[in-house]
C-alpha atoms as a PDB file:
ATOM      1  CA  UNK A   1       4.939  -0.507 -14.508  1.00  0.00           C
ATOM      2  CA  UNK A   2       6.864  -3.429 -15.996  1.00  0.00           C
ATOM      3  CA  UNK A   3       5.176  -2.925 -19.337  1.00  0.00           C
ATOM      4  CA  UNK A   4       5.759   0.826 -19.236  1.00  0.00           C
ATOM      5  CA  UNK A   5       9.466   0.270 -18.564  1.00  0.00           C
ATOM      6  CA  UNK A   6       9.703  -2.396 -21.291  1.00  0.00           C
ATOM      7  CA  UNK A   7      11.304  -5.031 -19.068  1.00  0.00           C
ATOM      8  CA  UNK A   8      11.317  -8.730 -19.917  1.00  0.00           C
ATOM      9  CA  UNK A   9       9.045 -11.350 -18.326  1.00  0.00           C
ATOM     10  CA  UNK A  10      11.337 -11.912 -15.353  1.00  0.00           C
ATOM     11  CA  UNK A  11      11.495  -8.144 -14.835  1.00  0.00           C
ATOM     12  CA  UNK A  12       7.699  -7.966 -14.772  1.00  0.00           C
ATOM     13  CA  UNK A  13       7.576 -10.767 -12.190  1.00  0.00           C
ATOM     14  CA  UNK A  14      10.273  -9.135 -10.043  1.00  0.00           C
ATOM     15  CA  UNK A  15       8.604  -5.704 -10.123  1.00  0.00           C
ATOM     16  CA  UNK A  16       5.168  -7.147  -9.369  1.00  0.00           C
ATOM     17  CA  UNK A  17       6.567  -9.295  -6.539  1.00  0.00           C
ATOM     18  CA  UNK A  18       8.420  -6.363  -4.983  1.00  0.00           C
ATOM     19  CA  UNK A  19       5.265  -4.256  -5.188  1.00  0.00           C
ATOM     20  CA  UNK A  20       3.057  -6.946  -3.660  1.00  0.00           C
ATOM     21  CA  UNK A  21       5.424  -8.216  -0.970  1.00  0.00           C
ATOM     22  CA  UNK A  22       7.865  -5.374  -0.293  1.00  0.00           C
ATOM     23  CA  UNK A  23       5.905  -3.399   2.286  1.00  0.00           C
ATOM     24  CA  UNK A  24       5.012  -6.433   4.381  1.00  0.00           C
ATOM     25  CA  UNK A  25       8.570  -7.744   4.128  1.00  0.00           C
ATOM     26  CA  UNK A  26       9.999  -4.467   5.409  1.00  0.00           C
ATOM     27  CA  UNK A  27       7.388  -4.395   8.192  1.00  0.00           C
ATOM     28  CA  UNK A  28       8.355  -7.897   9.338  1.00  0.00           C
ATOM     29  CA  UNK A  29      12.073  -7.054   9.264  1.00  0.00           C
ATOM     30  CA  UNK A  30      11.464  -3.925  11.351  1.00  0.00           C
ATOM     31  CA  UNK A  31       9.277  -5.847  13.823  1.00  0.00           C
ATOM     32  CA  UNK A  32      11.886  -8.651  13.995  1.00  0.00           C
ATOM     33  CA  UNK A  33       9.238 -11.143  12.919  1.00  0.00           C
ATOM     34  CA  UNK A  34       9.533 -14.060  10.484  1.00  0.00           C
ATOM     35  CA  UNK A  35       8.964 -12.717   6.978  1.00  0.00           C
ATOM     36  CA  UNK A  36       5.345 -13.534   6.219  1.00  0.00           C
ATOM     37  CA  UNK A  37       5.788 -15.029   2.734  1.00  0.00           C
ATOM     38  CA  UNK A  38       8.657 -17.251   3.897  1.00  0.00           C
ATOM     39  CA  UNK A  39       6.841 -18.325   7.054  1.00  0.00           C
ATOM     40  CA  UNK A  40       3.534 -18.904   5.224  1.00  0.00           C
ATOM     41  CA  UNK A  41       4.468 -19.710   1.644  1.00  0.00           C
ATOM     42  CA  UNK A  42       0.893 -19.531   0.341  1.00  0.00           C
ATOM     43  CA  UNK A  43       1.349 -15.734   0.206  1.00  0.00           C
ATOM     44  CA  UNK A  44       4.124 -16.274  -2.312  1.00  0.00           C
ATOM     45  CA  UNK A  45       2.015 -18.726  -4.317  1.00  0.00           C
ATOM     46  CA  UNK A  46      -0.925 -16.309  -4.291  1.00  0.00           C
ATOM     47  CA  UNK A  47       1.332 -13.509  -5.500  1.00  0.00           C
ATOM     48  CA  UNK A  48       2.697 -15.590  -8.371  1.00  0.00           C
ATOM     49  CA  UNK A  49      -0.784 -16.743  -9.389  1.00  0.00           C
ATOM     50  CA  UNK A  50      -2.031 -13.129  -9.397  1.00  0.00           C
ATOM     51  CA  UNK A  51       0.986 -12.062 -11.475  1.00  0.00           C
ATOM     52  CA  UNK A  52       0.435 -14.898 -13.949  1.00  0.00           C
ATOM     53  CA  UNK A  53      -3.270 -14.077 -14.302  1.00  0.00           C
ATOM     54  CA  UNK A  54      -2.427 -10.412 -14.817  1.00  0.00           C
ATOM     55  CA  UNK A  55       0.163 -11.221 -17.489  1.00  0.00           C
ATOM     56  CA  UNK A  56      -2.274 -13.523 -19.280  1.00  0.00           C
ATOM     57  CA  UNK A  57      -5.109 -11.001 -19.163  1.00  0.00           C
ATOM     58  CA  UNK A  58      -3.213  -7.731 -19.607  1.00  0.00           C
ATOM     59  CA  UNK A  59      -4.832  -6.958 -22.941  1.00  0.00           C
ATOM     60  CA  UNK A  60      -8.291  -7.372 -21.425  1.00  0.00           C
ATOM     61  CA  UNK A  61      -7.351  -5.572 -18.198  1.00  0.00           C
ATOM     62  CA  UNK A  62      -6.243  -2.547 -20.186  1.00  0.00           C
ATOM     63  CA  UNK A  63      -9.804  -2.292 -21.485  1.00  0.00           C
ATOM     64  CA  UNK A  64     -11.224  -2.163 -17.978  1.00  0.00           C
ATOM     65  CA  UNK A  65     -12.171   1.218 -16.753  1.00  0.00           C
ATOM     66  CA  UNK A  66      -9.290   2.925 -14.989  1.00  0.00           C
ATOM     67  CA  UNK A  67     -11.790   3.698 -12.224  1.00  0.00           C
ATOM     68  CA  UNK A  68     -12.157  -0.001 -11.360  1.00  0.00           C
ATOM     69  CA  UNK A  69      -8.405  -0.423 -11.092  1.00  0.00           C
ATOM     70  CA  UNK A  70      -8.061   2.692  -8.943  1.00  0.00           C
ATOM     71  CA  UNK A  71     -10.897   1.505  -6.701  1.00  0.00           C
ATOM     72  CA  UNK A  72      -9.269  -1.880  -6.112  1.00  0.00           C
ATOM     73  CA  UNK A  73      -5.902  -0.190  -5.545  1.00  0.00           C
ATOM     74  CA  UNK A  74      -7.495   2.021  -2.866  1.00  0.00           C
ATOM     75  CA  UNK A  75      -9.162  -0.973  -1.183  1.00  0.00           C
ATOM     76  CA  UNK A  76      -5.846  -2.845  -1.265  1.00  0.00           C
ATOM     77  CA  UNK A  77      -4.121   0.150   0.320  1.00  0.00           C
ATOM     78  CA  UNK A  78      -6.718   0.189   3.099  1.00  0.00           C
ATOM     79  CA  UNK A  79      -6.425  -3.548   3.721  1.00  0.00           C
ATOM     80  CA  UNK A  80      -2.617  -3.547   3.765  1.00  0.00           C
ATOM     81  CA  UNK A  81      -2.720  -0.576   6.136  1.00  0.00           C
ATOM     82  CA  UNK A  82      -4.932  -2.505   8.561  1.00  0.00           C
ATOM     83  CA  UNK A  83      -2.776  -5.638   8.276  1.00  0.00           C
ATOM     84  CA  UNK A  84       0.300  -3.598   9.194  1.00  0.00           C
ATOM     85  CA  UNK A  85      -1.433  -1.959  12.153  1.00  0.00           C
ATOM     86  CA  UNK A  86      -2.765  -5.279  13.402  1.00  0.00           C
ATOM     87  CA  UNK A  87       0.530  -7.156  13.083  1.00  0.00           C
ATOM     88  CA  UNK A  88       2.283  -4.374  14.955  1.00  0.00           C
ATOM     89  CA  UNK A  89      -0.279  -4.336  17.770  1.00  0.00           C
ATOM     90  CA  UNK A  90      -0.059  -8.128  18.080  1.00  0.00           C
ATOM     91  CA  UNK A  91       3.653  -7.551  18.699  1.00  0.00           C
ATOM     92  CA  UNK A  92       2.689  -5.163  21.512  1.00  0.00           C
ATOM     93  CA  UNK A  93       4.096  -2.012  19.969  1.00  0.00           C
ATOM     94  CA  UNK A  94       2.623   1.359  20.761  1.00  0.00           C
ATOM     95  CA  UNK A  95       0.002   2.931  18.540  1.00  0.00           C
ATOM     96  CA  UNK A  96       2.436   5.341  16.839  1.00  0.00           C
ATOM     97  CA  UNK A  97       4.599   2.396  15.763  1.00  0.00           C
ATOM     98  CA  UNK A  98       1.475   0.486  14.692  1.00  0.00           C
ATOM     99  CA  UNK A  99       0.327   3.360  12.469  1.00  0.00           C
ATOM    100  CA  UNK A 100       3.844   3.606  11.034  1.00  0.00           C
ATOM    101  CA  UNK A 101       3.798  -0.125  10.266  1.00  0.00           C
ATOM    102  CA  UNK A 102       0.419   0.329   8.577  1.00  0.00           C
ATOM    103  CA  UNK A 103       1.913   2.974   6.305  1.00  0.00           C
ATOM    104  CA  UNK A 104       4.984   0.800   5.710  1.00  0.00           C
ATOM    105  CA  UNK A 105       2.876  -2.206   4.747  1.00  0.00           C
ATOM    106  CA  UNK A 106       0.602  -0.135   2.522  1.00  0.00           C
ATOM    107  CA  UNK A 107       3.067   1.975   0.567  1.00  0.00           C
ATOM    108  CA  UNK A 108       6.613   0.654   0.702  1.00  0.00           C
ATOM    109  CA  UNK A 109       6.201  -2.083  -1.918  1.00  0.00           C
ATOM    110  CA  UNK A 110       5.340   0.560  -4.496  1.00  0.00           C
ATOM    111  CA  UNK A 111       8.057   2.865  -3.210  1.00  0.00           C
ATOM    112  CA  UNK A 112      10.695   0.130  -3.592  1.00  0.00           C
ATOM    113  CA  UNK A 113       9.395  -0.660  -7.090  1.00  0.00           C
ATOM    114  CA  UNK A 114       9.632   2.991  -8.108  1.00  0.00           C
ATOM    115  CA  UNK A 115      13.209   3.252  -6.808  1.00  0.00           C
ATOM    116  CA  UNK A 116      14.208   0.111  -8.746  1.00  0.00           C
ATOM    117  CA  UNK A 117      12.701   1.716 -11.874  1.00  0.00           C
ATOM    118  CA  UNK A 118      14.561   4.985 -11.206  1.00  0.00           C
ATOM    119  CA  UNK A 119      11.327   6.911 -10.693  1.00  0.00           C
ATOM    120  CA  UNK A 120      10.528   9.428  -7.989  1.00  0.00           C
ATOM    121  CA  UNK A 121       8.279   7.275  -5.774  1.00  0.00           C
ATOM    122  CA  UNK A 122       4.586   7.897  -6.383  1.00  0.00           C
ATOM    123  CA  UNK A 123       4.029   8.413  -2.649  1.00  0.00           C
ATOM    124  CA  UNK A 124       6.415  11.388  -2.803  1.00  0.00           C
ATOM    125  CA  UNK A 125       4.888  13.077  -5.857  1.00  0.00           C
ATOM    126  CA  UNK A 126       1.768  14.567  -4.349  1.00  0.00           C
ATOM    127  CA  UNK A 127      -0.377  11.436  -4.355  1.00  0.00           C
ATOM    128  CA  UNK A 128      -2.434  10.944  -1.196  1.00  0.00           C
ATOM    129  CA  UNK A 129      -1.218   7.459  -0.222  1.00  0.00           C
ATOM    130  CA  UNK A 130       0.736   7.663   3.029  1.00  0.00           C
ATOM    131  CA  UNK A 131      -1.497  10.440   4.369  1.00  0.00           C
ATOM    132  CA  UNK A 132      -4.576   8.280   3.760  1.00  0.00           C
ATOM    133  CA  UNK A 133      -2.930   5.427   5.692  1.00  0.00           C
ATOM    134  CA  UNK A 134      -1.999   7.727   8.574  1.00  0.00           C
ATOM    135  CA  UNK A 135      -5.561   9.068   8.755  1.00  0.00           C
ATOM    136  CA  UNK A 136      -6.947   5.523   8.677  1.00  0.00           C
ATOM    137  CA  UNK A 137      -4.580   4.567  11.479  1.00  0.00           C
ATOM    138  CA  UNK A 138      -5.637   7.569  13.557  1.00  0.00           C
ATOM    139  CA  UNK A 139      -9.302   6.609  13.144  1.00  0.00           C
ATOM    140  CA  UNK A 140      -8.432   3.046  14.194  1.00  0.00           C
ATOM    141  CA  UNK A 141      -6.641   4.389  17.288  1.00  0.00           C
ATOM    142  CA  UNK A 142      -9.430   6.812  18.202  1.00  0.00           C
ATOM    143  CA  UNK A 143     -12.092   4.118  17.946  1.00  0.00           C
ATOM    144  CA  UNK A 144      -9.964   1.607  19.863  1.00  0.00           C
ATOM    145  CA  UNK A 145      -9.278   4.055  22.701  1.00  0.00           C
ATOM    146  CA  UNK A 146     -12.964   5.050  22.769  1.00  0.00           C
ATOM    147  CA  UNK A 147     -13.828   1.405  23.444  1.00  0.00           C
ATOM    148  CA  UNK A 148     -15.537   0.784  20.106  1.00  0.00           C
ATOM    149  CA  UNK A 149     -16.034  -2.813  18.996  1.00  0.00           C
ATOM    150  CA  UNK A 150     -13.059  -4.296  17.163  1.00  0.00           C
ATOM    151  CA  UNK A 151     -14.982  -4.503  13.862  1.00  0.00           C
ATOM    152  CA  UNK A 152     -15.683  -0.756  14.012  1.00  0.00           C
ATOM    153  CA  UNK A 153     -11.963  -0.047  14.406  1.00  0.00           C
ATOM    154  CA  UNK A 154     -11.204  -2.120  11.313  1.00  0.00           C
ATOM    155  CA  UNK A 155     -14.077  -0.728   9.252  1.00  0.00           C
ATOM    156  CA  UNK A 156     -13.406   2.853  10.345  1.00  0.00           C
ATOM    157  CA  UNK A 157      -9.754   2.602   9.329  1.00  0.00           C
ATOM    158  CA  UNK A 158     -10.627   0.901   6.041  1.00  0.00           C
ATOM    159  CA  UNK A 159     -13.334   3.423   5.148  1.00  0.00           C
ATOM    160  CA  UNK A 160     -11.131   6.402   6.019  1.00  0.00           C
ATOM    161  CA  UNK A 161      -8.143   5.153   4.020  1.00  0.00           C
ATOM    162  CA  UNK A 162     -10.215   4.206   0.969  1.00  0.00           C
ATOM    163  CA  UNK A 163     -12.332   7.386   1.085  1.00  0.00           C
ATOM    164  CA  UNK A 164      -9.298   9.658   1.282  1.00  0.00           C
ATOM    165  CA  UNK A 165      -7.472   7.828  -1.499  1.00  0.00           C
ATOM    166  CA  UNK A 166     -10.508   7.831  -3.808  1.00  0.00           C
ATOM    167  CA  UNK A 167     -11.343  11.415  -2.831  1.00  0.00           C
ATOM    168  CA  UNK A 168      -7.811  12.444  -3.739  1.00  0.00           C
ATOM    169  CA  UNK A 169      -8.224  10.845  -7.154  1.00  0.00           C
ATOM    170  CA  UNK A 170     -11.703  12.234  -7.802  1.00  0.00           C
ATOM    171  CA  UNK A 171     -11.325  15.743  -6.371  1.00  0.00           C
ATOM    172  CA  UNK A 172      -7.592  16.192  -6.870  1.00  0.00           C
ATOM    173  CA  UNK A 173      -6.690  16.412  -3.182  1.00  0.00           C
ATOM    174  CA  UNK A 174      -2.935  16.622  -2.794  1.00  0.00           C
ATOM    175  CA  UNK A 175      -0.516  17.289   0.005  1.00  0.00           C
ATOM    176  CA  UNK A 176       1.678  20.343  -0.394  1.00  0.00           C
ATOM    177  CA  UNK A 177       4.618  19.740  -2.719  1.00  0.00           C
ATOM    178  CA  UNK A 178       7.877  21.405  -1.820  1.00  0.00           C
ATOM    179  CA  UNK A 179       9.480  22.979  -4.851  1.00  0.00           C
ATOM    180  CA  UNK A 180      12.670  24.870  -5.333  1.00  0.00           C
ATOM    181  CA  UNK A 181      11.895  28.552  -5.805  1.00  0.00           C
ATOM    182  CA  UNK A 182      13.008  30.116  -9.047  1.00  0.00           C
ATOM    183  CA  UNK A 183      15.643  32.774  -8.517  1.00  0.00           C
ATOM    184  CA  UNK A 184      14.485  36.137  -9.533  1.00  0.00           C
END
């Protein structure tokens, strides 16, 4: 988005950092936990390295198939969702809070970025992001309460989140958008 908004190099770094770290930061604040990238600084280093590599390879990345980028975005969404659920459960929250923290971790970095850029957040424009995270969290909960092995809970949540996100892209699945009715 930094390139689309024609921001300078620092702007690109700020937007990319907010996108990458924002959801997990908000999750940790809400859970009253040490902020993960301050507590374990390698997350910050990894983020900056990824940003630098992206900046250096942007011309080549733009040639990559959009499908590859969307696939990796969907996998990232699924992984961040699971990380949020897990961190919440480690803090002994209930499952509803854990699913909410999964959604927060998965989507709020992008939401914050969109607000900074004065855009209606992507997650509020009919894209199946938060809904995919909620569904993944519900699968995690169902498998956990059914006594399934831990790995099945993780894989079930990951598969559900990624499948729904990619299905939404491929088949055009969208949640209902609420629009103002035209008078008349």
